[in-house]
C-alpha atoms as a PDB file:
ATOM      1  CA  MET A   1      23.959   4.930  -6.556  1.00  0.00           C
ATOM      2  CA  THR A   2      23.495   1.720  -4.581  1.00  0.00           C
ATOM      3  CA  ASP A   3      23.409  -1.796  -5.910  1.00  0.00           C
ATOM      4  CA  ALA A   4      20.746  -4.319  -4.922  1.00  0.00           C
ATOM      5  CA  GLY A   5      23.081  -6.166  -2.578  1.00  0.00           C
ATOM      6  CA  SER A   6      23.669  -3.150  -0.350  1.00  0.00           C
ATOM      7  CA  ALA A   7      19.995  -2.350   0.317  1.00  0.00           C
ATOM      8  CA  ARG A   8      18.709  -2.738   3.866  1.00  0.00           C
ATOM      9  CA  PRO A   9      17.122  -6.218   4.116  1.00  0.00           C
ATOM     10  CA  ASP A  10      14.029  -4.896   5.956  1.00  0.00           C
ATOM     11  CA  ALA A  11      13.369  -2.364   3.175  1.00  0.00           C
ATOM     12  CA  ARG A  12      12.780  -5.009   0.506  1.00  0.00           C
ATOM     13  CA  PHE A  13       9.261  -5.865  -0.577  1.00  0.00           C
ATOM     14  CA  ARG A  14       9.000  -9.647  -0.196  1.00  0.00           C
ATOM     15  CA  LYS A  15       6.427 -12.054  -1.588  1.00  0.00           C
ATOM     16  CA  ARG A  16       5.199 -13.022   1.882  1.00  0.00           C
ATOM     17  CA  GLU A  17       4.204  -9.369   2.319  1.00  0.00           C
ATOM     18  CA  ARG A  18       1.731  -9.531  -0.563  1.00  0.00           C
ATOM     19  CA  ILE A  19      -1.902 -10.561  -0.452  1.00  0.00           C
ATOM     20  CA  ARG A  20      -2.257 -13.193  -3.151  1.00  0.00           C
ATOM     21  CA  THR A  21      -5.649 -14.874  -2.910  1.00  0.00           C
ATOM     22  CA  ARG A  22      -9.070 -13.541  -3.802  1.00  0.00           C
ATOM     23  CA  ALA A  23     -10.406 -14.854  -0.463  1.00  0.00           C
ATOM     24  CA  ASP A  24      -7.906 -12.711   1.462  1.00  0.00           C
ATOM     25  CA  ILE A  25      -8.788  -9.640  -0.612  1.00  0.00           C
ATOM     26  CA  ASP A  26     -12.513 -10.232  -0.041  1.00  0.00           C
ATOM     27  CA  ALA A  27     -11.894 -10.613   3.716  1.00  0.00           C
ATOM     28  CA  VAL A  28     -10.226  -7.183   3.805  1.00  0.00           C
ATOM     29  CA  PHE A  29     -13.049  -5.606   1.785  1.00  0.00           C
ATOM     30  CA  SER A  30     -15.794  -7.131   3.928  1.00  0.00           C
ATOM     31  CA  GLY A  31     -14.225  -7.001   7.393  1.00  0.00           C
ATOM     32  CA  GLY A  32     -11.906  -4.026   7.281  1.00  0.00           C
ATOM     33  CA  SER A  33     -12.103  -0.286   7.638  1.00  0.00           C
ATOM     34  CA  ARG A  34     -12.058   2.094   4.675  1.00  0.00           C
ATOM     35  CA  HIS A  35     -10.135   5.353   4.420  1.00  0.00           C
ATOM     36  CA  SER A  36      -9.981   7.667   1.404  1.00  0.00           C
ATOM     37  CA  VAL A  37      -8.062  10.603   0.038  1.00  0.00           C
ATOM     38  CA  LYS A  38      -8.314  12.086  -3.430  1.00  0.00           C
ATOM     39  CA  GLY A  39      -6.802   9.528  -5.799  1.00  0.00           C
ATOM     40  CA  MET A  40      -6.663   6.570  -3.409  1.00  0.00           C
ATOM     41  CA  ARG A  41      -8.733   4.422  -1.059  1.00  0.00           C
ATOM     42  CA  LEU A  42      -7.296   2.104   1.573  1.00  0.00           C
ATOM     43  CA  HIS A  43      -9.062  -0.918   2.999  1.00  0.00           C
ATOM     44  CA  ALA A  44      -7.287  -2.067   6.163  1.00  0.00           C
ATOM     45  CA  ARG A  45      -7.970  -5.066   8.382  1.00  0.00           C
ATOM     46  CA  ARG A  46      -6.263  -6.207  11.567  1.00  0.00           C
ATOM     47  CA  ARG A  47      -5.219  -9.847  11.684  1.00  0.00           C
ATOM     48  CA  GLU A  48      -3.026 -12.067  13.803  1.00  0.00           C
ATOM     49  CA  PRO A  49       0.425 -10.676  14.584  1.00  0.00           C
ATOM     50  CA  GLY A  50       2.970 -11.074  11.842  1.00  0.00           C
ATOM     51  CA  ALA A  51       4.211  -9.309   8.754  1.00  0.00           C
ATOM     52  CA  ASN A  52       1.903  -6.794   7.126  1.00  0.00           C
ATOM     53  CA  ARG A  53       0.483  -7.851   3.771  1.00  0.00           C
ATOM     54  CA  VAL A  54      -0.556  -5.545   0.938  1.00  0.00           C
ATOM     55  CA  ILE A  55      -1.941  -5.442  -2.601  1.00  0.00           C
ATOM     56  CA  PHE A  56      -2.293  -2.513  -5.006  1.00  0.00           C
ATOM     57  CA  ILE A  57      -5.355  -2.497  -7.291  1.00  0.00           C
ATOM     58  CA  PRO A  58      -6.023   0.213  -9.900  1.00  0.00           C
ATOM     59  CA  VAL A  59      -9.665   0.784 -10.873  1.00  0.00           C
ATOM     60  CA  ARG A  60     -10.785  -0.525 -14.269  1.00  0.00           C
ATOM     61  CA  LYS A  61     -11.161   2.917 -15.808  1.00  0.00           C
ATOM     62  CA  PHE A  62      -7.620   3.920 -14.914  1.00  0.00           C
ATOM     63  CA  GLY A  63      -6.306   3.884 -18.483  1.00  0.00           C
ATOM     64  CA  GLY A  64      -4.000   1.612 -20.385  1.00  0.00           C
ATOM     65  CA  SER A  65      -1.867  -1.113 -18.906  1.00  0.00           C
ATOM     66  CA  VAL A  66       1.232   1.098 -18.919  1.00  0.00           C
ATOM     67  CA  ALA A  67      -0.497   3.778 -16.818  1.00  0.00           C
ATOM     68  CA  ARG A  68      -1.926   1.197 -14.402  1.00  0.00           C
ATOM     69  CA  GLN A  69       1.439  -0.502 -13.915  1.00  0.00           C
ATOM     70  CA  ARG A  70       3.240   2.835 -13.435  1.00  0.00           C
ATOM     71  CA  ALA A  71       0.782   3.867 -10.721  1.00  0.00           C
ATOM     72  CA  ARG A  72       1.153   0.455  -9.063  1.00  0.00           C
ATOM     73  CA  ARG A  73       4.962   0.748  -9.062  1.00  0.00           C
ATOM     74  CA  ILE A  74       4.921   4.300  -7.659  1.00  0.00           C
ATOM     75  CA  ILE A  75       2.573   3.421  -4.805  1.00  0.00           C
ATOM     76  CA  SER A  76       4.401   0.168  -4.124  1.00  0.00           C
ATOM     77  CA  GLU A  77       7.660   2.108  -3.731  1.00  0.00           C
ATOM     78  CA  ALA A  78       6.007   4.698  -1.462  1.00  0.00           C
ATOM     79  CA  PHE A  79       4.631   1.883   0.714  1.00  0.00           C
ATOM     80  CA  ARG A  80       7.988   0.086   0.769  1.00  0.00           C
ATOM     81  CA  LEU A  81       9.725   3.203   2.090  1.00  0.00           C
ATOM     82  CA  VAL A  82       7.206   3.693   4.923  1.00  0.00           C
ATOM     83  CA  LYS A  83       6.627   0.054   5.902  1.00  0.00           C
ATOM     84  CA  ALA A  84       9.362  -0.012   8.557  1.00  0.00           C
ATOM     85  CA  ARG A  85       7.379   2.547  10.602  1.00  0.00           C
ATOM     86  CA  LEU A  86       4.089   0.590  10.463  1.00  0.00           C
ATOM     87  CA  THR A  87       2.622  -1.416  13.302  1.00  0.00           C
ATOM     88  CA  THR A  88       2.468  -5.130  12.452  1.00  0.00           C
ATOM     89  CA  GLY A  89      -0.470  -7.442  11.899  1.00  0.00           C
ATOM     90  CA  TRP A  90      -2.350  -5.649   9.092  1.00  0.00           C
ATOM     91  CA  ASP A  91      -3.717  -6.513   5.661  1.00  0.00           C
ATOM     92  CA  PHE A  92      -3.936  -3.531   3.283  1.00  0.00           C
ATOM     93  CA  VAL A  93      -5.704  -3.161  -0.054  1.00  0.00           C
ATOM     94  CA  PHE A  94      -4.864   0.070  -1.878  1.00  0.00           C
ATOM     95  CA  VAL A  95      -7.418   0.990  -4.554  1.00  0.00           C
ATOM     96  CA  ILE A  96      -5.781   3.445  -6.958  1.00  0.00           C
ATOM     97  CA  TYR A  97      -7.728   6.075  -8.910  1.00  0.00           C
ATOM     98  CA  PRO A  98      -6.456   8.128 -11.865  1.00  0.00           C
ATOM     99  CA  GLY A  99      -4.805  11.393 -11.011  1.00  0.00           C
ATOM    100  CA  SER A 100      -1.384  12.832 -10.537  1.00  0.00           C
ATOM    101  CA  ASP A 101       1.223  10.111 -10.585  1.00  0.00           C
ATOM    102  CA  SER A 102       4.046  12.146  -9.148  1.00  0.00           C
ATOM    103  CA  PHE A 103       5.939  10.153  -6.555  1.00  0.00           C
ATOM    104  CA  GLU A 104       5.801  12.878  -3.914  1.00  0.00           C
ATOM    105  CA  GLU A 105       2.023  13.279  -4.157  1.00  0.00           C
ATOM    106  CA  ARG A 106       1.397   9.526  -4.064  1.00  0.00           C
ATOM    107  CA  ARG A 107       3.781   9.162  -1.092  1.00  0.00           C
ATOM    108  CA  LYS A 108       1.774  11.745   0.855  1.00  0.00           C
ATOM    109  CA  GLN A 109      -1.448   9.920  -0.025  1.00  0.00           C
ATOM    110  CA  VAL A 110      -0.034   6.598   1.197  1.00  0.00           C
ATOM    111  CA  GLU A 111       1.155   8.088   4.485  1.00  0.00           C
ATOM    112  CA  THR A 112      -2.145   9.910   5.037  1.00  0.00           C
ATOM    113  CA  VAL A 113      -4.394   6.880   4.561  1.00  0.00           C
ATOM    114  CA  LEU A 114      -2.108   4.660   6.656  1.00  0.00           C
ATOM    115  CA  ALA A 115      -2.232   7.222   9.482  1.00  0.00           C
ATOM    116  CA  MET A 116      -6.028   7.414   9.153  1.00  0.00           C
ATOM    117  CA  ALA A 117      -6.217   3.624   9.514  1.00  0.00           C
ATOM    118  CA  GLY A 118      -4.092   3.727  12.658  1.00  0.00           C
ATOM    119  CA  ALA A 119      -1.248   1.675  11.206  1.00  0.00           C
ATOM    120  CA  LEU A 120       1.184   4.577  10.989  1.00  0.00           C
ATOM    121  CA  PRO A 121       1.775   6.803  13.991  1.00  0.00           C
ATOM    122  CA  ARG A 122       0.893  10.413  13.203  1.00  0.00           C
ATOM    123  CA  LYS A 123       3.700  12.935  13.110  1.00  0.00           C
ATOM    124  CA  PRO A 124       3.775  15.296  16.133  1.00  0.00           C
END
């Protein structure tokens, strides 16, 4: 077990890596590309070089607040683990649909849609 102080600094999910304004979200929806797999849709938009930014949005019919927050946490963790391999200069909006909330399945979904968008190099 590791404590928070021993985690790699680049593996943390910082506030500057989050999309926070409605205008930024709308810009990704209107000017970005869209990629889908069962249970998830990714809207991705290139922007000026810098840190990637992301937001996780469950659909309204997802269920109760506990289920929505659990799905958000699982996908956030899957993204955090893969973010070091991503190319920089992207805004991502993950739209989460109800389905299996196993970590392994959601991790595969995250990697698949990021590869489809061109932000994650495909495995040989």
